[in-house]
Amino acid sequence: MGRAHGVLPPSSSLPPLARLTSLSYVDLVAALQSLSAIYCPLAFELDADVPKPLSKVLAQSADSGYASGVEEDQEEDQQLGNLQDIACLRHDAFERNLSERWLTGFLARAEGLPCLDSDDKLQRALDKASCVLESFYATTAPEDDDDDEQTYTRKFSFPLALPDGGEPSPVEVELNDGLAGKNSQDPDDVGLQSWGAAIVVSGLMCETPARFGLTEASLGSRPRIVELGAGTGLISLVLAKMLPQLGMPEAKIIATDYHPAVLANLRANILTNFPAATCTPIEDSFLDWSAPALEAPLDVPADMLVATDVVYAREHAVWLRDCAARMLKPNGVFWLVATVRQNGRFEGISETVEAAFAADDGVQDASGRKLRILQAEALEKRQNIGRGDESGYKMFRIGWV
């Protein structure tokens, strides 16, 4: 196999993000396929008429049986050399970080690119880019690597509006955004990265705490807040850092999730942000919405529940509704934010939230009340935040009726 089938480092082959608007579909797909060949070579192809992933080329370039033994040896040596080159690139931290930034930038710009002029092309490109990006968070480390985990640090800073009108105080959070154990290959580990809805809502909570009832007058001095599907824990960490500044130093935040790799990452993020705390205001806990076992620390009803971008299947909204009904105080509030996606596999999923909370079934409290949507608000997507398939967000304030 000649060098034409070789793979170039992303730093040499990826087109600048500023040139995406002038890129052809074939060139864009070739760039995505090149990344796929390096980081997830078993992934699907985008189209039959564009360059295939290198793994496919390698698999299909085997000799037909008519070549001489010398030619076979040369071919095997060349294939082995290419595979070794790919392995080196895959574990090159500089190339990996550059690829991550490029993919993130592409996802933020994908919608509206001239070369993605159909829903089918757009969705194929989004799926391919997301597949490669997510592989960074779930790919196992080399067997001879003593470090079982890889981290991708992200830092957030949100100006906090103080109740006395004083100078805004920033709430700063540092996340290991993609900390995955060696054995984490669960395709549902989406919680290993921070999604657009969590970033947008974190900013809004800091900008206008009273809008969410995050005041001592509303919650008291010792509120108990539980995040459902916390993922990296961004919102929980923001709450844990902002509430003491708002007069609630004894606030308790419980960040919950389901997947083991996500919970491991969540614990690491808590330690990163509260490394020396003798009494951490936030703790993590396992929670299965479909069958919630409300043991400590979830055995005490919550003043507030929060969940952002956690509905990915039609049954999720029903599970969330019934789980929340078992966890929320009689006068509590549940803030649920659904991401609106207008195409692809998650199209229309956000609408299941309204249907679930309007249904006649569901868990009742001792007075026969049910959880209902009290207020719905559309939130705009912000530039360079979130995936390209996100068109906005729906924020629901939910309470007992």
Protein backbone atom coordinates (compact mmCIF):
# COMPACT_ATOMS: atom_id res chain seq x y z
CA MET A 1 0.00 0.00 0.00
CA GLY A 2 1.49 3.34 -1.03
CA ARG A 3 1.70 6.55 0.93
CA ALA A 4 -1.50 7.75 -0.73
CA HIS A 5 -3.29 5.60 1.81
CA GLY A 6 -1.30 7.02 4.74
CA VAL A 7 -2.87 9.27 7.33
CA LEU A 8 -1.71 12.79 8.07
CA PRO A 9 -1.67 14.39 11.52
CA PRO A 10 -4.81 16.46 12.21
CA SER A 11 -2.60 19.55 12.62
CA SER A 12 -1.55 19.14 8.97
CA SER A 13 -4.80 17.96 7.43
CA LEU A 14 -7.75 19.68 9.15
CA PRO A 15 -9.04 22.77 7.33
CA PRO A 16 -9.15 25.97 9.43
CA LEU A 17 -12.52 26.53 11.07
CA ALA A 18 -12.69 29.94 9.40
CA ARG A 19 -12.74 28.19 6.00
CA LEU A 20 -15.62 25.82 6.74
CA THR A 21 -18.09 28.04 4.88
CA SER A 22 -16.12 27.60 1.65
CA LEU A 23 -15.44 23.88 2.07
CA SER A 24 -17.04 21.31 -0.23
CA TYR A 25 -19.03 18.43 1.21
CA VAL A 26 -16.49 15.90 -0.07
CA ASP A 27 -13.59 17.76 1.58
CA LEU A 28 -15.49 18.11 4.86
CA VAL A 29 -16.33 14.42 4.91
CA ALA A 30 -12.72 13.54 4.09
CA ALA A 31 -11.60 15.55 7.12
CA LEU A 32 -14.10 13.79 9.38
CA GLN A 33 -13.18 10.38 7.96
CA SER A 34 -9.50 11.09 8.59
CA LEU A 35 -10.23 11.83 12.25
CA SER A 36 -12.40 8.73 12.45
CA ALA A 37 -9.56 6.60 11.02
CA ILE A 38 -7.31 7.78 13.84
CA TYR A 39 -9.62 7.86 16.84
CA CYS A 40 -12.48 5.43 16.13
CA PRO A 41 -11.54 3.31 13.08
CA LEU A 42 -14.52 0.98 13.45
CA ALA A 43 -17.03 3.81 13.01
CA PHE A 44 -19.44 3.96 10.08
CA GLU A 45 -18.80 5.67 6.74
CA LEU A 46 -20.63 8.87 5.82
CA ASP A 47 -21.05 8.22 2.11
CA ALA A 48 -19.95 5.63 -0.40
CA ASP A 49 -18.53 8.19 -2.84
CA VAL A 50 -16.07 9.83 -0.45
CA PRO A 51 -12.74 8.53 0.92
CA LYS A 52 -13.15 5.61 3.30
CA PRO A 53 -11.71 5.43 6.81
CA LEU A 54 -8.16 4.12 6.77
CA SER A 55 -9.21 1.00 8.65
CA LYS A 56 -11.52 0.10 5.77
CA VAL A 57 -8.77 0.71 3.22
CA LEU A 58 -6.40 -1.48 5.20
CA ALA A 59 -8.97 -4.23 5.47
CA GLN A 60 -9.78 -4.14 1.76
CA SER A 61 -6.20 -3.83 0.48
CA ALA A 62 -5.27 -7.48 1.17
CA ASP A 63 -3.59 -9.25 -1.73
CA SER A 64 -5.84 -11.34 -3.96
CA GLY A 65 -3.46 -14.29 -3.86
CA TYR A 66 -1.74 -13.65 -7.18
CA ALA A 67 1.05 -11.45 -5.81
CA SER A 68 4.45 -12.89 -5.06
CA GLY A 69 5.57 -13.67 -1.52
CA VAL A 70 7.90 -10.67 -1.62
CA GLU A 71 5.04 -8.36 -2.56
CA GLU A 72 2.98 -9.82 0.29
CA ASP A 73 5.76 -9.12 2.78
CA GLN A 74 6.13 -5.55 1.50
CA GLU A 75 2.40 -5.01 1.70
CA GLU A 76 2.25 -6.32 5.28
CA ASP A 77 5.20 -4.14 6.30
CA GLN A 78 3.54 -1.06 4.80
CA GLN A 79 0.22 -1.82 6.51
CA LEU A 80 1.98 -2.39 9.83
CA GLY A 81 3.82 0.90 9.43
CA ASN A 82 0.56 2.75 8.80
CA LEU A 83 -1.09 1.14 11.82
CA GLN A 84 1.86 2.11 14.00
CA ASP A 85 1.66 5.69 12.68
CA ILE A 86 -2.04 5.79 13.55
CA ALA A 87 -1.37 4.45 17.04
CA CYS A 88 1.22 7.16 17.61
CA LEU A 89 -1.18 9.86 16.44
CA ARG A 90 -3.99 8.47 18.57
CA HIS A 91 -1.94 8.93 21.72
CA ASP A 92 -0.36 12.25 20.78
CA ALA A 93 -1.81 14.71 23.33
CA PHE A 94 -1.22 17.76 21.13
CA GLU A 95 -2.98 16.25 18.10
CA ARG A 96 -5.81 14.95 20.28
CA ASN A 97 -6.42 18.32 21.93
CA LEU A 98 -6.30 20.09 18.56
CA SER A 99 -8.80 17.58 17.13
CA GLU A 100 -11.10 18.05 20.12
CA ARG A 101 -11.10 21.83 19.70
CA TRP A 102 -11.69 21.52 15.95
CA LEU A 103 -14.61 19.10 16.40
CA THR A 104 -16.17 21.30 19.08
CA GLY A 105 -15.84 24.31 16.78
CA PHE A 106 -17.31 22.39 13.86
CA LEU A 107 -20.33 21.22 15.88
CA ALA A 108 -21.04 24.81 16.91
CA ARG A 109 -20.91 25.97 13.27
CA ALA A 110 -22.34 22.98 11.41
CA GLU A 111 -25.90 24.21 11.11
CA GLY A 112 -25.93 26.69 8.25
CA LEU A 113 -22.77 25.55 6.45
CA PRO A 114 -23.37 25.75 2.67
CA CYS A 115 -21.94 22.26 2.06
CA LEU A 116 -24.45 20.75 4.52
CA ASP A 117 -27.41 21.81 2.41
CA SER A 118 -29.76 19.00 3.37
CA ASP A 119 -30.99 17.53 6.64
CA ASP A 120 -29.46 14.19 5.70
CA LYS A 121 -25.98 15.64 5.08
CA LEU A 122 -26.16 17.73 8.25
CA GLN A 123 -27.18 14.82 10.44
CA ARG A 124 -24.56 12.49 8.95
CA ALA A 125 -21.84 15.04 9.59
CA LEU A 126 -23.07 15.76 13.13
CA ASP A 127 -23.25 12.07 13.96
CA LYS A 128 -19.75 11.43 12.62
CA ALA A 129 -18.22 14.40 14.44
CA SER A 130 -20.02 13.49 17.68
CA CYS A 131 -18.91 9.87 17.36
CA VAL A 132 -15.26 10.92 17.12
CA LEU A 133 -15.58 13.51 19.89
CA GLU A 134 -17.31 11.09 22.26
CA SER A 135 -14.59 8.50 21.61
CA PHE A 136 -12.17 10.85 23.36
CA TYR A 137 -14.14 10.40 26.57
CA ALA A 138 -14.73 6.67 26.46
CA THR A 139 -11.65 5.32 24.70
CA THR A 140 -9.53 3.07 26.87
CA ALA A 141 -5.99 4.02 27.70
CA PRO A 142 -3.02 1.96 26.44
CA GLU A 143 -2.47 -1.25 28.39
CA ASP A 144 1.07 -0.26 29.31
CA ASP A 145 0.02 3.15 30.56
CA ASP A 146 0.14 3.38 34.35
CA ASP A 147 -2.36 6.25 34.31
CA ASP A 148 -5.84 4.71 34.26
CA GLU A 149 -7.52 7.98 33.42
CA GLN A 150 -7.23 10.86 31.01
CA THR A 151 -8.44 14.35 31.76
CA TYR A 152 -9.59 17.25 29.63
CA THR A 153 -9.80 20.35 31.75
CA ARG A 154 -12.38 23.06 31.13
CA LYS A 155 -12.73 26.20 33.21
CA PHE A 156 -15.94 28.22 33.56
CA SER A 157 -16.46 31.61 35.15
CA PHE A 158 -19.94 33.07 35.69
CA PRO A 159 -20.48 36.58 37.15
CA LEU A 160 -22.72 36.31 40.21
CA ALA A 161 -25.24 39.08 40.88
CA LEU A 162 -25.25 39.72 44.63
CA PRO A 163 -28.57 40.56 46.38
CA ASP A 164 -27.21 43.79 47.85
CA GLY A 165 -26.25 45.05 44.42
CA GLY A 166 -22.56 44.79 45.18
CA GLU A 167 -19.78 44.17 42.70
CA PRO A 168 -20.46 40.90 40.80
CA SER A 169 -18.47 38.04 42.23
CA PRO A 170 -17.46 35.32 39.76
CA VAL A 171 -18.37 31.70 40.31
CA GLU A 172 -15.48 29.67 38.94
CA VAL A 173 -15.64 25.95 38.21
CA GLU A 174 -12.95 23.67 36.85
CA LEU A 175 -14.04 20.40 35.26
CA ASN A 176 -12.32 17.26 34.15
CA ASP A 177 -14.56 17.21 31.09
CA GLY A 178 -14.07 13.67 29.89
CA LEU A 179 -12.50 11.70 32.71
CA ALA A 180 -13.07 8.06 31.87
CA GLY A 181 -11.80 4.89 33.47
CA LYS A 182 -10.00 2.25 31.42
CA ASN A 183 -13.06 0.02 31.36
CA SER A 184 -15.53 2.72 30.35
CA GLN A 185 -16.89 1.80 26.94
CA ASP A 186 -20.57 2.44 27.65
CA PRO A 187 -22.06 4.35 24.70
CA ASP A 188 -24.49 6.02 27.13
CA ASP A 189 -21.71 7.80 29.03
CA VAL A 190 -22.86 11.13 27.58
CA GLY A 191 -22.45 12.60 31.05
CA LEU A 192 -18.69 12.64 30.52
CA GLN A 193 -18.98 16.01 28.84
CA SER A 194 -20.72 19.30 29.61
CA TRP A 195 -23.62 20.05 27.29
CA GLY A 196 -24.95 23.40 26.15
CA ALA A 197 -28.04 23.46 28.35
CA ALA A 198 -26.01 23.09 31.55
CA ILE A 199 -23.69 25.92 30.55
CA VAL A 200 -26.56 28.26 29.60
CA VAL A 201 -28.56 27.53 32.76
CA SER A 202 -25.49 27.91 35.01
CA GLY A 203 -24.97 31.37 33.57
CA LEU A 204 -28.62 32.34 34.03
CA MET A 205 -28.67 31.16 37.65
CA CYS A 206 -25.70 33.37 38.43
CA GLU A 207 -27.05 36.34 36.48
CA THR A 208 -30.48 36.29 38.15
CA PRO A 209 -30.65 33.97 41.19
CA ALA A 210 -34.10 35.25 42.21
CA ARG A 211 -35.48 34.10 38.86
CA PHE A 212 -34.91 30.52 40.04
CA GLY A 213 -35.93 31.16 43.64
CA LEU A 214 -32.31 30.88 44.74
CA THR A 215 -32.75 33.25 47.67
CA GLU A 216 -32.70 32.77 51.43
CA ALA A 217 -36.25 34.10 51.60
CA SER A 218 -37.45 31.33 49.28
CA LEU A 219 -35.26 28.43 50.37
CA GLY A 220 -34.20 29.23 53.93
CA SER A 221 -30.62 29.09 55.15
CA ARG A 222 -30.20 25.30 54.75
CA PRO A 223 -31.78 24.31 51.44
CA ARG A 224 -31.41 20.83 49.99
CA ILE A 225 -31.03 20.73 46.20
CA VAL A 226 -30.71 17.59 44.09
CA GLU A 227 -29.54 17.52 40.47
CA LEU A 228 -30.87 14.67 38.34
CA GLY A 229 -28.52 13.44 35.61
CA ALA A 230 -25.73 15.70 36.82
CA GLY A 231 -23.11 14.48 34.33
CA THR A 232 -19.91 16.43 34.90
CA GLY A 233 -21.63 18.22 37.79
CA LEU A 234 -21.38 21.73 36.35
CA ILE A 235 -24.71 23.00 37.70
CA SER A 236 -24.28 21.32 41.10
CA LEU A 237 -20.80 22.79 41.47
CA VAL A 238 -22.05 26.24 40.47
CA LEU A 239 -24.83 26.01 43.08
CA ALA A 240 -22.42 24.78 45.74
CA LYS A 241 -20.20 27.81 45.15
CA MET A 242 -22.86 30.49 44.70
CA LEU A 243 -25.36 29.71 47.49
CA PRO A 244 -23.00 30.55 50.39
CA GLN A 245 -22.46 33.95 48.79
CA LEU A 246 -26.24 34.43 48.73
CA GLY A 247 -26.66 33.88 52.45
CA MET A 248 -27.05 30.08 52.45
CA PRO A 249 -23.74 28.74 53.83
CA GLU A 250 -25.32 25.46 54.98
CA ALA A 251 -26.88 24.58 51.63
CA LYS A 252 -26.57 20.89 50.68
CA ILE A 253 -26.21 19.89 47.02
CA ILE A 254 -26.54 16.28 45.88
CA ALA A 255 -25.44 15.51 42.32
CA THR A 256 -26.88 12.24 41.00
CA ASP A 257 -26.31 10.08 37.96
CA TYR A 258 -26.63 6.49 36.83
CA HIS A 259 -23.53 5.40 34.89
CA PRO A 260 -20.43 4.29 36.84
CA ALA A 261 -17.94 6.17 34.61
CA VAL A 262 -19.99 9.35 34.90
CA LEU A 263 -20.14 9.05 38.70
CA ALA A 264 -16.37 8.50 38.85
CA ASN A 265 -15.84 11.64 36.79
CA LEU A 266 -18.33 13.53 38.95
CA ARG A 267 -16.47 12.60 42.14
CA ALA A 268 -13.20 13.76 40.60
CA ASN A 269 -14.76 17.10 39.68
CA ILE A 270 -16.05 17.60 43.23
CA LEU A 271 -12.56 16.97 44.60
CA THR A 272 -11.05 19.32 42.05
CA ASN A 273 -13.30 22.18 43.11
CA PHE A 274 -13.34 21.44 46.86
CA PRO A 275 -9.90 19.88 47.43
CA ALA A 276 -9.38 20.88 51.05
CA ALA A 277 -12.95 21.11 52.34
CA THR A 278 -13.52 19.27 55.61
CA CYS A 279 -17.27 19.45 55.06
CA THR A 280 -18.00 19.53 51.34
CA PRO A 281 -21.30 21.24 50.45
CA ILE A 282 -21.80 18.81 47.58
CA GLU A 283 -21.80 15.04 47.30
CA ASP A 284 -22.54 12.53 44.56
CA SER A 285 -25.05 9.70 44.59
CA PHE A 286 -26.28 6.92 42.32
CA LEU A 287 -29.88 7.29 41.14
CA ASP A 288 -31.93 5.20 38.73
CA TRP A 289 -34.98 7.23 37.66
CA SER A 290 -36.90 4.13 36.58
CA ALA A 291 -36.54 2.49 40.02
CA PRO A 292 -35.34 5.09 42.53
CA ALA A 293 -33.97 3.68 45.77
CA LEU A 294 -34.21 6.69 48.03
CA GLU A 295 -31.57 5.81 50.56
CA ALA A 296 -29.12 8.24 52.19
CA PRO A 297 -28.32 10.87 51.07
CA LEU A 298 -31.55 10.84 49.03
CA ASP A 299 -33.78 9.85 51.95
CA VAL A 300 -34.65 13.48 52.78
CA PRO A 301 -37.07 15.33 50.45
CA ALA A 302 -35.53 18.12 48.38
CA ASP A 303 -36.45 21.78 48.34
CA MET A 304 -35.45 21.94 44.70
CA LEU A 305 -34.70 19.54 41.87
CA VAL A 306 -32.72 20.50 38.77
CA ALA A 307 -32.18 18.61 35.50
CA THR A 308 -30.77 19.85 32.18
CA ASP A 309 -30.61 18.05 28.84
CA VAL A 310 -31.39 14.63 30.29
CA VAL A 311 -34.29 13.53 28.05
CA TYR A 312 -33.00 11.34 25.23
CA ALA A 313 -35.77 8.73 24.96
CA ARG A 314 -39.55 8.92 25.09
CA GLU A 315 -39.72 7.10 28.43
CA HIS A 316 -37.25 9.43 30.14
CA ALA A 317 -39.75 12.22 30.83
CA VAL A 318 -42.15 9.79 32.52
CA TRP A 319 -39.35 8.31 34.63
CA LEU A 320 -38.24 11.80 35.63
CA ARG A 321 -41.78 12.84 36.54
CA ASP A 322 -42.41 9.86 38.80
CA CYS A 323 -38.93 9.96 40.31
CA ALA A 324 -39.26 13.69 41.05
CA ALA A 325 -42.66 13.11 42.67
CA ARG A 326 -41.00 10.81 45.21
CA MET A 327 -38.20 13.26 45.97
CA LEU A 328 -39.71 16.76 46.04
CA LYS A 329 -41.07 18.51 49.13
CA PRO A 330 -44.75 19.57 49.13
CA ASN A 331 -43.75 23.17 48.42
CA GLY A 332 -40.68 22.33 46.32
CA VAL A 333 -39.90 23.27 42.73
CA PHE A 334 -38.44 21.22 39.90
CA TRP A 335 -36.49 23.04 37.16
CA LEU A 336 -36.30 20.86 34.06
CA VAL A 337 -34.56 22.06 30.90
CA ALA A 338 -34.99 20.09 27.66
CA THR A 339 -32.83 20.65 24.60
CA VAL A 340 -34.76 21.21 21.38
CA ARG A 341 -33.40 19.29 18.40
CA GLN A 342 -35.29 19.70 15.15
CA ASN A 343 -33.66 16.90 13.18
CA GLY A 344 -32.01 13.56 13.70
CA ARG A 345 -32.72 10.76 16.14
CA PHE A 346 -33.70 13.12 18.99
CA GLU A 347 -36.15 15.20 16.96
CA GLY A 348 -39.30 15.91 18.96
CA ILE A 349 -38.00 14.32 22.18
CA SER A 350 -38.31 17.63 24.05
CA GLU A 351 -42.07 17.54 23.45
CA THR A 352 -42.37 14.38 25.54
CA VAL A 353 -41.78 16.47 28.66
CA GLU A 354 -45.00 18.44 28.23
CA ALA A 355 -46.93 15.28 27.41
CA ALA A 356 -45.66 13.42 30.47
CA PHE A 357 -46.52 16.17 32.95
CA ALA A 358 -49.94 16.75 31.39
CA ALA A 359 -50.94 13.07 31.57
CA ASP A 360 -53.50 11.84 34.09
CA ASP A 361 -51.30 9.03 35.38
CA GLY A 362 -48.27 9.53 37.59
CA VAL A 363 -47.39 9.56 41.26
CA GLN A 364 -49.58 11.63 43.62
CA ASP A 365 -48.68 13.16 46.96
CA ALA A 366 -50.62 12.59 50.18
CA SER A 367 -53.12 15.26 49.17
CA GLY A 368 -53.74 13.74 45.74
CA ARG A 369 -51.72 16.41 43.92
CA LYS A 370 -49.54 15.71 40.90
CA LEU A 371 -46.50 17.41 39.45
CA ARG A 372 -47.48 19.79 36.67
CA ILE A 373 -45.71 22.34 34.50
CA LEU A 374 -46.37 25.74 36.08
CA GLN A 375 -44.40 27.78 33.57
CA ALA A 376 -42.58 27.13 30.30
CA GLU A 377 -39.95 29.40 28.80
CA ALA A 378 -37.91 29.23 25.61
CA LEU A 379 -34.18 29.82 25.99
CA GLU A 380 -32.07 30.77 23.01
CA LYS A 381 -29.00 28.84 22.01
CA ARG A 382 -25.85 30.87 22.53
CA GLN A 383 -23.06 31.24 20.02
CA ASN A 384 -20.30 28.65 20.29
CA ILE A 385 -22.13 26.78 23.07
CA GLY A 386 -23.69 23.38 22.51
CA ARG A 387 -23.85 21.04 19.54
CA GLY A 388 -24.80 22.05 16.04
CA ASP A 389 -28.04 20.05 16.21
CA GLU A 390 -29.30 22.12 19.16
CA SER A 391 -31.75 24.83 18.13
CA GLY A 392 -32.60 26.06 21.63
CA TYR A 393 -33.90 24.96 25.00
CA LYS A 394 -37.22 24.73 26.86
CA MET A 395 -37.11 25.53 30.56
CA PHE A 396 -39.97 24.23 32.71
CA ARG A 397 -40.83 25.26 36.25
CA ILE A 398 -42.67 22.30 37.73
CA GLY A 399 -44.55 22.05 41.01
CA TRP A 400 -47.42 20.34 42.85
CA VAL A 401 -50.96 21.01 41.62
